[in-house]
Each structure stands twice: as structure tokens, then as C-alpha cells.
């Protein structure tokens, strides 16, 4: 794995655990020689992650839409900050640059980015791993809902299992490295026809 794309909050959240996890992940990636691709901001968990990776000597690539750049939240310490025209362009470039994807705690933007890239994997557009770093149980309710989606017949268990989960960075990195994409169709019941 050369680079990992991390989706996470541009706010810090209320728990210190979230920022600590962002720092731990950024430091681990740099130590392991894995480049970081992220949204390019200096604020919230995004800034903590990038600062930690930079402080540990890691490669950090920020990808930021011009509209967000103009709001002065871009990280000024990045040697590689790529400015794009839209959120769509941002996600496409991040997907191109990364060999895997992880979501830390964040809001609707974090969820949207994760779900889009996971959908692409489910459809077979890529075979890169997608994961959650489930700090302090942040994603527990979402994981329960995803199990409900499987139970209701809207997703295969194999596709649910594509979303790797761990509660600490080194365990998650091990899972990302061991990932193999399932070779099943998205559509339930199609194999019987």
C-alpha cells in the first residue's frame, strides 16, 4: 500500500479520543512509509491528521475544491496541495491517488465520501479496501444499521463485510493490507436466473 485516503471531520468533535486517533493514524502512516491523501484542510480532525503525518516525516497530499480553499481553511504547510473545481473532482482524484480508504469520525461529508467509494467497490469499479476506524464506538449504530440492510435483503453479507472495521490504527492497517475483494455480483437473486 503506497497511499491511504482518509475521510474525516473538518470539525474536531467533542471527544479527545477522536483527535488522538487522528494523530495516531497520521504518525503510523508516516512511520510505515504510507502516504496520506486527505481533503487538504487545516481545521478539525483533518488538520490534526495532516500535522501528525507531516511531523513524522510522511508524504501528505491534500485535495481541496477551490470554494473551500477560498474560505481559508486549506493547510498552508502542505508541499502537495491539489486544487480542484468541485467535490466530484476531489473524490475522483483522491480515488485515483489512493490504494485504500478509511473513515474516521466525521459528519455528513465524511459519510458521503465513504459511501460513494464503498459503492464503487461493491459495483466492481475498484478492488481497493474501504474501512472505518471506529473510535470510542462512534460508528456502532451505523454498523448495526448496515447489518439491518443485509437482513432486509438490500445488500449481500459479502458486501457488508467489505467495510473493514477496527478501533485502533495498527489493527486497521493490518486488515487493509490483508484485504481481498469479494467476487460476487451486487444484485441479490441474479445468480438464480
N, C-alpha and C. Protein backbone atom coordinates (compact mmCIF):
# COMPACT_ATOMS: atom_id res chain seq x y z
N UNK A 1 0.86 -1.19 0.00
CA UNK A 1 0.00 0.00 0.00
C UNK A 1 0.89 1.24 0.00
N UNK A 2 0.79 2.02 -1.09
CA UNK A 2 1.61 3.23 -1.19
C UNK A 2 0.96 4.42 -0.49
N UNK A 3 -0.37 4.57 -0.69
CA UNK A 3 -1.07 5.73 -0.12
C UNK A 3 -2.44 5.31 0.39
N UNK A 4 -2.85 5.94 1.46
CA UNK A 4 -4.17 5.71 2.04
C UNK A 4 -4.93 7.02 2.05
N UNK A 5 -6.16 6.98 1.57
CA UNK A 5 -7.04 8.15 1.61
C UNK A 5 -7.85 8.09 2.90
N UNK A 6 -7.86 9.19 3.63
CA UNK A 6 -8.59 9.24 4.90
C UNK A 6 -9.66 10.32 4.81
N UNK A 7 -10.90 9.91 5.09
CA UNK A 7 -12.04 10.82 5.18
C UNK A 7 -12.28 11.04 6.67
N UNK A 8 -12.44 12.30 7.08
CA UNK A 8 -12.67 12.59 8.50
C UNK A 8 -13.14 14.01 8.66
N UNK A 9 -13.56 14.33 9.87
CA UNK A 9 -14.21 15.60 10.13
C UNK A 9 -13.34 16.83 9.98
N UNK A 10 -13.95 17.87 9.44
CA UNK A 10 -13.30 19.18 9.43
C UNK A 10 -13.61 19.91 10.74
N UNK A 11 -14.39 19.27 11.58
CA UNK A 11 -14.57 19.69 12.97
C UNK A 11 -13.88 18.64 13.83
N UNK A 12 -13.64 18.97 15.09
CA UNK A 12 -12.89 18.07 15.97
C UNK A 12 -13.78 17.12 16.76
N UNK A 13 -15.08 17.42 16.85
CA UNK A 13 -15.94 16.60 17.70
C UNK A 13 -15.73 16.93 19.17
N UNK A 14 -16.49 16.27 20.03
CA UNK A 14 -16.46 16.59 21.45
C UNK A 14 -15.51 15.71 22.27
N UNK A 15 -15.03 14.63 21.72
CA UNK A 15 -14.19 13.70 22.47
C UNK A 15 -12.73 13.84 22.08
N UNK A 16 -11.87 13.88 23.05
CA UNK A 16 -10.43 13.94 22.79
C UNK A 16 -9.95 12.68 22.07
N UNK A 17 -10.65 11.56 22.25
CA UNK A 17 -10.28 10.29 21.60
C UNK A 17 -10.19 10.45 20.08
N UNK A 18 -11.05 11.27 19.51
CA UNK A 18 -11.09 11.42 18.06
C UNK A 18 -9.79 12.06 17.55
N UNK A 19 -9.37 13.15 18.19
CA UNK A 19 -8.14 13.82 17.79
C UNK A 19 -6.93 12.92 18.06
N UNK A 20 -6.95 12.20 19.16
CA UNK A 20 -5.85 11.29 19.48
C UNK A 20 -5.73 10.21 18.41
N UNK A 21 -6.85 9.70 17.93
CA UNK A 21 -6.82 8.68 16.88
C UNK A 21 -6.31 9.25 15.57
N UNK A 22 -6.70 10.47 15.24
CA UNK A 22 -6.21 11.11 14.02
C UNK A 22 -4.69 11.27 14.07
N UNK A 23 -4.19 11.71 15.21
CA UNK A 23 -2.74 11.87 15.39
C UNK A 23 -2.05 10.52 15.30
N UNK A 24 -2.61 9.51 15.96
CA UNK A 24 -2.00 8.18 15.93
C UNK A 24 -1.96 7.61 14.52
N UNK A 25 -3.04 7.79 13.76
CA UNK A 25 -3.07 7.28 12.39
C UNK A 25 -2.08 8.02 11.51
N UNK A 26 -2.04 9.33 11.60
CA UNK A 26 -1.09 10.10 10.80
C UNK A 26 0.35 9.71 11.09
N UNK A 27 0.67 9.53 12.35
CA UNK A 27 2.02 9.12 12.76
C UNK A 27 2.34 7.72 12.25
N UNK A 28 1.38 6.79 12.38
CA UNK A 28 1.58 5.42 11.93
C UNK A 28 1.81 5.35 10.43
N UNK A 29 1.01 6.07 9.65
CA UNK A 29 1.18 6.06 8.21
C UNK A 29 2.58 6.53 7.82
N UNK A 30 3.03 7.61 8.43
CA UNK A 30 4.37 8.12 8.12
C UNK A 30 5.43 7.10 8.51
N UNK A 31 5.29 6.51 9.67
CA UNK A 31 6.27 5.53 10.15
C UNK A 31 6.33 4.30 9.24
N UNK A 32 5.18 3.92 8.67
CA UNK A 32 5.10 2.75 7.79
C UNK A 32 5.42 3.07 6.33
N UNK A 33 5.71 4.35 6.04
CA UNK A 33 6.03 4.75 4.68
C UNK A 33 4.83 4.79 3.76
N UNK A 34 3.65 4.98 4.34
CA UNK A 34 2.41 5.06 3.56
C UNK A 34 2.01 6.52 3.46
N UNK A 35 1.86 7.01 2.24
CA UNK A 35 1.45 8.39 2.04
C UNK A 35 0.00 8.61 2.44
N UNK A 36 -0.31 9.82 2.84
CA UNK A 36 -1.66 10.21 3.22
C UNK A 36 -2.27 11.07 2.13
N UNK A 37 -3.48 10.72 1.73
CA UNK A 37 -4.29 11.54 0.84
C UNK A 37 -5.50 11.95 1.66
N UNK A 38 -5.80 13.23 1.72
CA UNK A 38 -6.94 13.69 2.51
C UNK A 38 -7.47 14.99 1.92
N UNK A 39 -8.46 15.56 2.55
CA UNK A 39 -9.18 16.70 2.00
C UNK A 39 -8.48 18.04 2.00
N UNK A 40 -7.26 18.14 2.49
CA UNK A 40 -6.47 19.35 2.34
C UNK A 40 -6.71 20.46 3.34
N UNK A 41 -7.54 20.24 4.34
CA UNK A 41 -7.87 21.31 5.30
C UNK A 41 -6.90 21.32 6.48
N UNK A 42 -6.86 22.47 7.15
CA UNK A 42 -6.03 22.65 8.34
C UNK A 42 -6.85 22.57 9.62
N UNK A 43 -8.15 22.43 9.48
CA UNK A 43 -9.05 22.52 10.63
C UNK A 43 -9.54 21.13 11.07
N UNK A 44 -10.03 21.08 12.31
CA UNK A 44 -10.66 19.87 12.84
C UNK A 44 -9.73 18.67 12.85
N UNK A 45 -10.34 17.49 12.74
CA UNK A 45 -9.56 16.26 12.72
C UNK A 45 -8.66 16.20 11.49
N UNK A 46 -9.11 16.81 10.40
CA UNK A 46 -8.30 16.82 9.18
C UNK A 46 -6.94 17.46 9.43
N UNK A 47 -6.94 18.59 10.09
CA UNK A 47 -5.69 19.27 10.39
C UNK A 47 -4.80 18.48 11.33
N UNK A 48 -5.40 17.85 12.33
CA UNK A 48 -4.62 17.04 13.29
C UNK A 48 -3.96 15.87 12.58
N UNK A 49 -4.68 15.20 11.71
CA UNK A 49 -4.14 14.06 10.96
C UNK A 49 -2.96 14.51 10.10
N UNK A 50 -3.15 15.55 9.31
CA UNK A 50 -2.09 16.02 8.43
C UNK A 50 -0.88 16.50 9.22
N UNK A 51 -1.10 17.25 10.29
CA UNK A 51 0.01 17.74 11.10
C UNK A 51 0.83 16.58 11.66
N UNK A 52 0.15 15.53 12.11
CA UNK A 52 0.86 14.38 12.68
C UNK A 52 1.69 13.67 11.62
N UNK A 53 1.12 13.46 10.45
CA UNK A 53 1.86 12.79 9.37
C UNK A 53 3.06 13.63 8.95
N UNK A 54 2.86 14.94 8.81
CA UNK A 54 3.97 15.82 8.44
C UNK A 54 5.06 15.83 9.51
N UNK A 55 4.67 15.90 10.78
CA UNK A 55 5.64 15.92 11.87
C UNK A 55 6.47 14.66 11.92
N UNK A 56 5.89 13.54 11.46
CA UNK A 56 6.61 12.26 11.45
C UNK A 56 7.36 12.03 10.14
N UNK A 57 7.36 13.03 9.25
CA UNK A 57 8.11 12.94 8.01
C UNK A 57 7.39 12.24 6.88
N UNK A 58 6.07 12.14 6.96
CA UNK A 58 5.31 11.44 5.94
C UNK A 58 4.94 12.28 4.74
N UNK A 59 4.57 11.59 3.66
CA UNK A 59 4.04 12.23 2.47
C UNK A 59 2.58 12.58 2.73
N UNK A 60 2.19 13.81 2.46
CA UNK A 60 0.81 14.23 2.64
C UNK A 60 0.36 14.97 1.39
N UNK A 61 -0.71 14.46 0.79
CA UNK A 61 -1.31 15.10 -0.38
C UNK A 61 -2.70 15.58 0.01
N UNK A 62 -2.93 16.87 -0.09
CA UNK A 62 -4.25 17.43 0.16
C UNK A 62 -4.96 17.69 -1.16
N UNK A 63 -6.26 17.39 -1.19
CA UNK A 63 -7.07 17.64 -2.39
C UNK A 63 -8.26 18.48 -1.94
N UNK A 64 -8.33 19.70 -2.43
CA UNK A 64 -9.33 20.63 -1.92
C UNK A 64 -10.02 21.37 -3.07
N UNK A 65 -11.35 21.45 -3.01
CA UNK A 65 -12.06 22.25 -4.02
C UNK A 65 -11.77 23.74 -3.84
N UNK A 66 -11.75 24.46 -4.94
CA UNK A 66 -11.45 25.89 -4.90
C UNK A 66 -12.36 26.65 -3.92
N UNK A 67 -13.64 26.30 -3.88
CA UNK A 67 -14.57 27.01 -3.00
C UNK A 67 -14.20 26.88 -1.53
N UNK A 68 -13.66 25.74 -1.14
CA UNK A 68 -13.22 25.56 0.26
C UNK A 68 -11.89 26.26 0.48
N UNK A 69 -11.02 26.20 -0.51
CA UNK A 69 -9.73 26.88 -0.44
C UNK A 69 -9.95 28.37 -0.18
N UNK A 70 -10.92 28.94 -0.87
CA UNK A 70 -11.19 30.37 -0.75
C UNK A 70 -11.76 30.76 0.61
N UNK A 71 -12.21 29.79 1.37
CA UNK A 71 -12.70 30.06 2.74
C UNK A 71 -11.56 30.03 3.76
N UNK A 72 -10.34 29.88 3.26
CA UNK A 72 -9.13 29.95 4.08
C UNK A 72 -9.02 28.83 5.10
N UNK A 73 -9.45 27.64 4.73
CA UNK A 73 -9.26 26.50 5.63
C UNK A 73 -8.22 25.53 5.10
N UNK A 74 -7.59 25.85 3.95
CA UNK A 74 -6.58 24.97 3.38
C UNK A 74 -5.35 24.93 4.28
N UNK A 75 -4.71 23.77 4.30
CA UNK A 75 -3.49 23.58 5.10
C UNK A 75 -2.33 24.25 4.37
N UNK A 76 -1.73 25.24 4.99
CA UNK A 76 -0.66 26.00 4.35
C UNK A 76 0.70 25.30 4.46
N UNK A 77 0.77 24.22 5.23
CA UNK A 77 2.05 23.53 5.41
C UNK A 77 2.26 22.36 4.47
N UNK A 78 1.37 22.17 3.50
CA UNK A 78 1.49 21.04 2.59
C UNK A 78 2.36 21.38 1.39
N UNK A 79 3.29 20.50 1.07
CA UNK A 79 4.09 20.67 -0.13
C UNK A 79 3.28 20.27 -1.37
N UNK A 80 2.24 19.45 -1.17
CA UNK A 80 1.43 18.97 -2.30
C UNK A 80 -0.05 19.18 -1.99
N UNK A 81 -0.54 20.35 -2.35
CA UNK A 81 -1.96 20.68 -2.19
C UNK A 81 -2.54 20.84 -3.59
N UNK A 82 -3.47 19.96 -3.94
CA UNK A 82 -4.06 19.98 -5.27
C UNK A 82 -5.43 20.64 -5.21
N UNK A 83 -5.60 21.67 -5.99
CA UNK A 83 -6.84 22.43 -6.00
C UNK A 83 -7.66 21.99 -7.21
N UNK A 84 -8.91 21.58 -6.93
CA UNK A 84 -9.81 21.11 -7.98
C UNK A 84 -11.06 21.99 -8.02
N UNK A 85 -11.86 21.80 -9.05
CA UNK A 85 -13.01 22.66 -9.25
C UNK A 85 -14.25 22.29 -8.46
N UNK A 86 -14.38 21.02 -8.07
CA UNK A 86 -15.62 20.59 -7.42
C UNK A 86 -15.36 19.42 -6.48
N UNK A 87 -16.38 19.10 -5.69
CA UNK A 87 -16.31 17.93 -4.81
C UNK A 87 -16.20 16.66 -5.64
N UNK A 88 -16.87 16.61 -6.78
CA UNK A 88 -16.78 15.43 -7.64
C UNK A 88 -15.35 15.20 -8.10
N UNK A 89 -14.70 16.27 -8.52
CA UNK A 89 -13.31 16.17 -8.96
C UNK A 89 -12.41 15.76 -7.79
N UNK A 90 -12.71 16.28 -6.62
CA UNK A 90 -11.92 15.95 -5.43
C UNK A 90 -11.97 14.45 -5.18
N UNK A 91 -13.17 13.88 -5.14
CA UNK A 91 -13.31 12.45 -4.84
C UNK A 91 -12.67 11.59 -5.92
N UNK A 92 -12.79 11.99 -7.18
CA UNK A 92 -12.18 11.21 -8.26
C UNK A 92 -10.66 11.22 -8.14
N UNK A 93 -10.08 12.37 -7.85
CA UNK A 93 -8.63 12.45 -7.72
C UNK A 93 -8.15 11.68 -6.49
N UNK A 94 -8.86 11.81 -5.38
CA UNK A 94 -8.48 11.06 -4.18
C UNK A 94 -8.51 9.56 -4.46
N UNK A 95 -9.53 9.10 -5.17
CA UNK A 95 -9.65 7.68 -5.50
C UNK A 95 -8.50 7.23 -6.39
N UNK A 96 -8.11 8.09 -7.31
CA UNK A 96 -7.01 7.76 -8.22
C UNK A 96 -5.68 7.67 -7.47
N UNK A 97 -5.46 8.55 -6.52
CA UNK A 97 -4.19 8.63 -5.80
C UNK A 97 -4.01 7.56 -4.73
N UNK A 98 -5.10 6.99 -4.22
CA UNK A 98 -5.03 6.12 -3.05
C UNK A 98 -5.17 4.64 -3.40
N UNK A 99 -4.62 3.82 -2.51
CA UNK A 99 -4.71 2.36 -2.62
C UNK A 99 -5.72 1.78 -1.63
N UNK A 100 -6.31 2.62 -0.81
CA UNK A 100 -7.32 2.20 0.16
C UNK A 100 -7.93 3.43 0.80
N UNK A 101 -9.02 3.21 1.55
CA UNK A 101 -9.81 4.32 2.08
C UNK A 101 -10.23 4.02 3.52
N UNK A 102 -10.14 5.02 4.37
CA UNK A 102 -10.53 4.89 5.77
C UNK A 102 -11.34 6.10 6.18
N UNK A 103 -12.40 5.87 6.92
CA UNK A 103 -13.15 6.97 7.52
C UNK A 103 -12.94 6.96 9.03
N UNK A 104 -12.58 8.11 9.56
CA UNK A 104 -12.56 8.36 10.99
C UNK A 104 -13.86 9.08 11.33
N UNK A 105 -14.10 9.41 12.58
CA UNK A 105 -15.31 10.17 12.88
C UNK A 105 -15.40 11.46 12.07
N UNK A 106 -16.60 11.77 11.67
CA UNK A 106 -16.86 12.96 10.89
C UNK A 106 -18.35 13.12 10.67
N UNK A 107 -18.71 14.09 9.90
CA UNK A 107 -20.11 14.39 9.64
C UNK A 107 -20.59 13.84 8.33
N UNK A 108 -21.57 14.51 7.75
CA UNK A 108 -22.22 14.02 6.55
C UNK A 108 -21.26 13.96 5.36
N UNK A 109 -20.30 14.87 5.28
CA UNK A 109 -19.33 14.83 4.20
C UNK A 109 -18.46 13.58 4.27
N UNK A 110 -18.03 13.23 5.47
CA UNK A 110 -17.24 12.02 5.68
C UNK A 110 -18.04 10.79 5.27
N UNK A 111 -19.29 10.74 5.70
CA UNK A 111 -20.15 9.60 5.36
C UNK A 111 -20.38 9.52 3.85
N UNK A 112 -20.63 10.66 3.23
CA UNK A 112 -20.88 10.67 1.80
C UNK A 112 -19.67 10.17 1.03
N UNK A 113 -18.48 10.62 1.40
CA UNK A 113 -17.27 10.19 0.73
C UNK A 113 -17.05 8.69 0.90
N UNK A 114 -17.22 8.21 2.12
CA UNK A 114 -17.06 6.78 2.38
C UNK A 114 -18.07 5.95 1.59
N UNK A 115 -19.33 6.33 1.64
CA UNK A 115 -20.36 5.54 0.97
C UNK A 115 -20.17 5.53 -0.54
N UNK A 116 -19.74 6.64 -1.11
CA UNK A 116 -19.53 6.65 -2.55
C UNK A 116 -18.40 5.71 -2.94
N UNK A 117 -17.27 5.77 -2.25
CA UNK A 117 -16.14 4.93 -2.62
C UNK A 117 -16.44 3.46 -2.34
N UNK A 118 -17.19 3.18 -1.31
CA UNK A 118 -17.59 1.80 -0.99
C UNK A 118 -18.56 1.29 -2.06
N UNK A 119 -19.46 2.14 -2.51
CA UNK A 119 -20.38 1.76 -3.60
C UNK A 119 -19.60 1.41 -4.85
N UNK A 120 -18.58 2.20 -5.18
CA UNK A 120 -17.76 1.90 -6.34
C UNK A 120 -17.12 0.52 -6.19
N UNK A 121 -16.67 0.19 -4.98
CA UNK A 121 -16.07 -1.13 -4.74
C UNK A 121 -17.11 -2.23 -4.90
N UNK A 122 -18.30 -2.01 -4.36
CA UNK A 122 -19.37 -3.00 -4.46
C UNK A 122 -19.73 -3.28 -5.91
N UNK A 123 -19.70 -2.25 -6.74
CA UNK A 123 -20.01 -2.39 -8.16
C UNK A 123 -18.84 -2.93 -8.98
N UNK A 124 -17.69 -3.10 -8.35
CA UNK A 124 -16.53 -3.63 -9.04
C UNK A 124 -15.72 -2.59 -9.79
N UNK A 125 -15.95 -1.30 -9.54
CA UNK A 125 -15.19 -0.25 -10.20
C UNK A 125 -13.74 -0.19 -9.71
N UNK A 126 -13.50 -0.70 -8.51
CA UNK A 126 -12.14 -0.83 -7.97
C UNK A 126 -12.15 -1.98 -6.96
N UNK A 127 -10.97 -2.44 -6.60
CA UNK A 127 -10.84 -3.52 -5.62
C UNK A 127 -10.03 -3.07 -4.42
N UNK A 128 -10.08 -1.79 -4.12
CA UNK A 128 -9.33 -1.23 -3.00
C UNK A 128 -10.16 -1.36 -1.72
N UNK A 129 -9.49 -1.57 -0.58
CA UNK A 129 -10.22 -1.73 0.67
C UNK A 129 -10.83 -0.42 1.17
N UNK A 130 -11.98 -0.56 1.84
CA UNK A 130 -12.68 0.56 2.48
C UNK A 130 -12.86 0.20 3.94
N UNK A 131 -12.67 1.16 4.83
CA UNK A 131 -12.67 0.82 6.25
C UNK A 131 -13.16 1.96 7.12
N UNK A 132 -13.53 1.58 8.34
CA UNK A 132 -13.89 2.52 9.39
C UNK A 132 -12.91 2.37 10.54
N UNK A 133 -12.39 3.47 11.04
CA UNK A 133 -11.66 3.48 12.30
C UNK A 133 -12.69 3.90 13.34
N UNK A 134 -13.21 2.92 14.04
CA UNK A 134 -14.37 3.09 14.92
C UNK A 134 -13.93 3.52 16.32
N UNK A 135 -13.54 4.77 16.44
CA UNK A 135 -13.03 5.30 17.70
C UNK A 135 -14.16 5.50 18.71
N UNK A 136 -13.97 4.94 19.89
CA UNK A 136 -14.92 5.09 21.00
C UNK A 136 -16.35 4.70 20.59
N UNK A 137 -16.45 3.73 19.68
CA UNK A 137 -17.77 3.26 19.26
C UNK A 137 -18.53 4.24 18.39
N UNK A 138 -17.84 5.22 17.81
CA UNK A 138 -18.51 6.26 17.02
C UNK A 138 -19.43 5.68 15.95
N UNK A 139 -19.00 4.61 15.29
CA UNK A 139 -19.77 4.06 14.18
C UNK A 139 -20.63 2.85 14.57
N UNK A 140 -20.76 2.55 15.84
CA UNK A 140 -21.52 1.35 16.25
C UNK A 140 -22.95 1.35 15.71
N UNK A 141 -23.65 2.45 15.80
CA UNK A 141 -25.04 2.48 15.32
C UNK A 141 -25.12 2.34 13.81
N UNK A 142 -24.17 2.93 13.11
CA UNK A 142 -24.13 2.78 11.66
C UNK A 142 -23.89 1.31 11.29
N UNK A 143 -22.98 0.66 11.99
CA UNK A 143 -22.70 -0.75 11.71
C UNK A 143 -23.93 -1.61 11.98
N UNK A 144 -24.66 -1.30 13.03
CA UNK A 144 -25.91 -2.00 13.31
C UNK A 144 -26.93 -1.80 12.20
N UNK A 145 -27.02 -0.58 11.69
CA UNK A 145 -27.93 -0.31 10.59
C UNK A 145 -27.52 -1.08 9.34
N UNK A 146 -26.23 -1.14 9.05
CA UNK A 146 -25.77 -1.89 7.87
C UNK A 146 -26.11 -3.37 7.99
N UNK A 147 -26.04 -3.92 9.20
CA UNK A 147 -26.47 -5.30 9.41
C UNK A 147 -27.96 -5.44 9.13
N UNK A 148 -28.73 -4.43 9.49
CA UNK A 148 -30.16 -4.40 9.20
C UNK A 148 -30.40 -4.39 7.68
N UNK A 149 -29.62 -3.61 6.95
CA UNK A 149 -29.72 -3.56 5.49
C UNK A 149 -29.53 -4.95 4.90
N UNK A 150 -28.54 -5.68 5.40
CA UNK A 150 -28.30 -7.05 4.95
C UNK A 150 -29.49 -7.93 5.29
N UNK A 151 -29.97 -7.81 6.52
CA UNK A 151 -31.10 -8.62 6.98
C UNK A 151 -32.37 -8.38 6.18
N UNK A 152 -32.52 -7.19 5.65
CA UNK A 152 -33.70 -6.85 4.87
C UNK A 152 -33.53 -7.15 3.38
N UNK A 153 -32.38 -7.69 2.99
CA UNK A 153 -32.19 -8.11 1.61
C UNK A 153 -31.76 -7.04 0.63
N UNK A 154 -31.19 -5.95 1.12
CA UNK A 154 -30.75 -4.89 0.23
C UNK A 154 -29.24 -4.88 0.00
N UNK A 155 -28.53 -5.77 0.68
CA UNK A 155 -27.08 -5.88 0.50
C UNK A 155 -26.66 -7.30 0.85
N UNK A 156 -25.72 -7.80 0.10
CA UNK A 156 -25.15 -9.11 0.42
C UNK A 156 -24.25 -9.00 1.65
N UNK A 157 -24.19 -10.05 2.44
CA UNK A 157 -23.29 -10.08 3.59
C UNK A 157 -21.84 -9.89 3.13
N UNK A 158 -21.49 -10.45 1.98
CA UNK A 158 -20.12 -10.30 1.47
C UNK A 158 -19.79 -8.84 1.19
N UNK A 159 -20.77 -8.06 0.76
CA UNK A 159 -20.52 -6.64 0.50
C UNK A 159 -20.51 -5.85 1.81
N UNK A 160 -21.30 -6.25 2.76
CA UNK A 160 -21.24 -5.62 4.10
C UNK A 160 -19.86 -5.86 4.70
N UNK A 161 -19.35 -7.07 4.51
CA UNK A 161 -18.04 -7.43 5.08
C UNK A 161 -16.88 -6.74 4.37
N UNK A 162 -17.14 -6.14 3.21
CA UNK A 162 -16.10 -5.37 2.52
C UNK A 162 -15.67 -4.17 3.35
N UNK A 163 -16.57 -3.65 4.18
CA UNK A 163 -16.26 -2.50 5.01
C UNK A 163 -15.53 -3.00 6.26
N UNK A 164 -14.23 -2.85 6.25
CA UNK A 164 -13.39 -3.32 7.35
C UNK A 164 -13.55 -2.38 8.53
N UNK A 165 -13.44 -2.93 9.75
CA UNK A 165 -13.63 -2.13 10.95
C UNK A 165 -12.59 -2.52 12.00
N UNK A 166 -12.01 -1.51 12.63
CA UNK A 166 -11.14 -1.72 13.78
C UNK A 166 -11.24 -0.48 14.67
N UNK A 167 -10.82 -0.64 15.91
CA UNK A 167 -10.92 0.50 16.83
C UNK A 167 -9.56 1.12 17.15
N UNK A 168 -8.51 0.63 16.49
CA UNK A 168 -7.21 1.28 16.65
C UNK A 168 -6.41 1.17 15.35
N UNK A 169 -5.57 2.17 15.07
CA UNK A 169 -4.93 2.28 13.76
C UNK A 169 -4.11 1.08 13.30
N UNK A 170 -3.28 0.49 14.16
CA UNK A 170 -2.42 -0.59 13.68
C UNK A 170 -3.23 -1.83 13.31
N UNK A 171 -4.28 -2.13 14.05
CA UNK A 171 -5.15 -3.26 13.69
C UNK A 171 -5.85 -2.99 12.36
N UNK A 172 -6.27 -1.76 12.16
CA UNK A 172 -6.93 -1.42 10.90
C UNK A 172 -5.98 -1.53 9.73
N UNK A 173 -4.75 -1.06 9.91
CA UNK A 173 -3.76 -1.14 8.84
C UNK A 173 -3.49 -2.61 8.46
N UNK A 174 -3.43 -3.49 9.44
CA UNK A 174 -3.24 -4.92 9.15
C UNK A 174 -4.40 -5.47 8.32
N UNK A 175 -5.62 -5.07 8.65
CA UNK A 175 -6.79 -5.52 7.89
C UNK A 175 -6.79 -4.98 6.47
N UNK A 176 -6.40 -3.73 6.33
CA UNK A 176 -6.32 -3.14 4.99
C UNK A 176 -5.32 -3.89 4.12
N UNK A 177 -4.18 -4.23 4.70
CA UNK A 177 -3.14 -4.93 3.94
C UNK A 177 -3.58 -6.34 3.54
N UNK A 178 -4.41 -6.98 4.36
CA UNK A 178 -4.83 -8.36 4.10
C UNK A 178 -6.08 -8.45 3.22
N UNK A 179 -6.69 -7.35 2.89
CA UNK A 179 -7.97 -7.33 2.18
C UNK A 179 -7.89 -7.96 0.79
N UNK A 180 -8.92 -8.73 0.48
CA UNK A 180 -9.13 -9.27 -0.86
C UNK A 180 -10.59 -9.00 -1.22
N UNK A 181 -10.84 -8.39 -2.36
CA UNK A 181 -12.20 -8.04 -2.76
C UNK A 181 -13.01 -9.30 -3.06
N UNK A 182 -14.28 -9.32 -2.60
CA UNK A 182 -15.14 -10.46 -2.93
C UNK A 182 -15.48 -10.45 -4.42
N UNK A 183 -15.72 -11.62 -4.97
CA UNK A 183 -16.03 -11.74 -6.39
C UNK A 183 -17.48 -12.20 -6.55
N UNK A 184 -18.40 -11.38 -6.08
CA UNK A 184 -19.83 -11.70 -6.18
C UNK A 184 -20.55 -10.51 -6.79
N UNK A 185 -21.64 -10.79 -7.47
CA UNK A 185 -22.43 -9.71 -8.05
C UNK A 185 -23.17 -8.94 -6.97
N UNK A 186 -23.41 -7.69 -7.22
CA UNK A 186 -24.14 -6.83 -6.28
C UNK A 186 -25.60 -7.27 -6.15
N UNK A 187 -26.18 -7.74 -7.25
CA UNK A 187 -27.61 -7.95 -7.29
C UNK A 187 -28.00 -9.29 -6.68
N UNK A 188 -28.79 -9.24 -5.66
CA UNK A 188 -29.25 -10.43 -4.95
C UNK A 188 -30.31 -11.12 -5.79
N UNK A 189 -30.17 -12.44 -5.98
CA UNK A 189 -31.13 -13.20 -6.75
C UNK A 189 -30.79 -13.32 -8.22
N UNK A 190 -29.83 -12.56 -8.70
CA UNK A 190 -29.46 -12.61 -10.13
C UNK A 190 -28.79 -13.93 -10.49
N UNK A 191 -28.07 -14.54 -9.54
CA UNK A 191 -27.37 -15.77 -9.86
C UNK A 191 -28.31 -16.94 -10.08
N UNK A 192 -29.57 -16.81 -9.61
CA UNK A 192 -30.53 -17.89 -9.81
C UNK A 192 -31.21 -17.82 -11.17
N UNK A 193 -31.11 -16.73 -11.89
CA UNK A 193 -31.84 -16.55 -13.15
C UNK A 193 -31.12 -17.15 -14.32
